[in-house]
Amino acid sequence: MFKTLELVNAAIARIQPTLPPTAKIVANRLTFAAFPIMGYSLTSDTVPQTAIWEMATYDLKPRLNRQPGVSSIVVQGGQVPEFQVQTDPPSWSRPASPSPTSWMPSAAAT
């Protein structure tokens, strides 16, 4: 961590002359002791990983973000749901079927 901080400070020193005189950049080394962090692991022998990821992302994360004193929530790991789309290229040359609302008169015509 100290070596990384030295590298960051060296990079800042290189670009500092190109910045406006009022711009000040400070790099600090942060540790887990600097601020409270909590971690949770969600596992199951029966629920698929994609379902756990969706629950963590769309159910738990918003609820935890609304709690007083919570700065940010990050969902890490898990299995993001994937979709496979199979197309039929020959059908692309056929005329498109009308959309459900294409038969409706426009507001300007009435």
Foldseek 3Di string as FASTA:
>chain_A
DVVVQVVVVVVCVVCVVVDPPVDDDDDDDDDCVNDPDDDDDDDDPPDAQQVVLCCVVPPVQVVVVPDPPDDHDDDDDTDHDDDDDDDDVVCVPPDDDDDPCPVPDDPVVD
